[in-house]
Protein backbone atom coordinates (compact mmCIF):
# COMPACT_ATOMS: atom_id res chain seq x y z
CA MET A 1 0.00 0.00 0.00
CA ALA A 2 1.53 3.32 -1.11
CA SER A 3 1.60 6.17 1.33
CA SER A 4 0.92 9.68 0.11
CA HIS A 5 3.31 12.53 0.71
CA GLN A 6 2.37 16.04 1.70
CA VAL A 7 4.37 19.11 0.76
CA PHE A 8 4.44 22.30 2.83
CA GLN A 9 6.15 25.59 2.04
CA PHE A 10 6.73 28.23 4.69
CA PRO A 11 8.99 31.11 5.68
CA LEU A 12 11.04 31.11 8.86
CA ASN A 13 12.64 34.26 10.20
CA ILE A 14 14.20 33.80 13.62
CA SER A 15 17.28 35.47 15.06
CA TYR A 16 20.22 33.56 16.47
CA GLN A 17 19.30 34.63 20.02
CA GLU A 18 15.64 33.64 19.54
CA PHE A 19 16.67 30.20 18.25
CA LEU A 20 19.07 29.38 21.12
CA PRO A 21 16.40 27.80 23.39
CA TYR A 22 15.44 25.53 20.47
CA TYR A 23 19.07 24.69 19.74
CA ARG A 24 19.72 23.80 23.37
CA GLY A 25 16.66 21.54 23.47
CA GLU A 26 14.83 23.74 25.99
CA VAL A 27 12.03 24.14 23.45
CA ASN A 28 11.32 21.23 21.11
CA LYS A 29 8.87 22.44 18.47
CA VAL A 30 9.05 25.39 16.11
CA GLU A 31 5.63 26.73 15.14
CA VAL A 32 5.31 28.01 11.57
CA ILE A 33 2.44 28.99 9.30
CA ASP A 34 2.69 27.57 5.79
CA ILE A 35 1.74 29.51 2.66
CA LYS A 36 -1.77 28.00 2.75
CA GLY A 37 -2.34 29.23 6.31
CA ARG A 38 -1.86 25.87 8.03
CA THR A 39 -0.11 25.84 11.42
CA LEU A 40 2.75 23.34 11.64
CA TRP A 41 4.84 22.26 14.63
CA ILE A 42 8.23 20.99 13.50
CA ASN A 43 10.92 19.49 15.69
CA ALA A 44 13.57 22.16 16.15
CA ARG A 45 16.44 19.72 15.56
CA HIS A 46 15.56 19.73 11.85
CA PHE A 47 16.47 23.42 11.61
CA ARG A 48 19.89 23.19 13.30
CA PRO A 49 21.78 22.72 10.00
CA PHE A 50 20.31 26.01 8.74
CA LEU A 51 21.33 28.14 11.73
CA SER A 52 23.91 30.84 11.03
CA SER A 53 25.32 33.62 13.19
CA THR A 54 22.38 35.79 12.12
CA GLY A 55 19.75 33.12 12.77
CA ILE A 56 17.51 31.48 10.20
CA LYS A 57 15.85 33.53 7.47
CA ALA A 58 14.60 31.47 4.55
CA TYR A 59 11.69 29.85 2.80
CA PHE A 60 11.52 26.10 3.26
CA ASN A 61 9.99 23.17 1.43
CA MET A 62 9.07 20.26 3.71
CA VAL A 63 7.87 16.84 2.60
CA VAL A 64 6.25 14.43 5.06
CA ASP A 65 4.92 10.91 4.58
CA GLY A 66 1.36 9.78 5.26
CA GLN A 67 2.14 9.33 8.97
CA GLY A 68 3.61 12.84 9.30
CA ASN A 69 7.24 11.71 9.38
CA LEU A 70 9.73 14.12 7.83
CA ILE A 71 11.13 13.02 4.50
CA SER A 72 12.96 16.21 3.59
CA LEU A 73 13.40 19.82 4.65
CA THR A 74 15.13 22.09 2.16
CA LYS A 75 15.66 25.81 1.66
CA ILE A 76 14.01 27.17 -1.47
């Protein structure tokens, strides 16, 4: 049985200082609103590779499987 994938696109603009509690694991989920107005809660660890000295400022494309498991998270 094939599982369907869902694609979400959203902006994230968070400063380095604002992201520190997420990076340290003090806060686990990042809340974002996708371009269709849907609220998403994404585990903060997925954003760690995108953190720079200025924070994270980018649009992302996220693909999840039918169970909501992350398949990919990429900057667009």
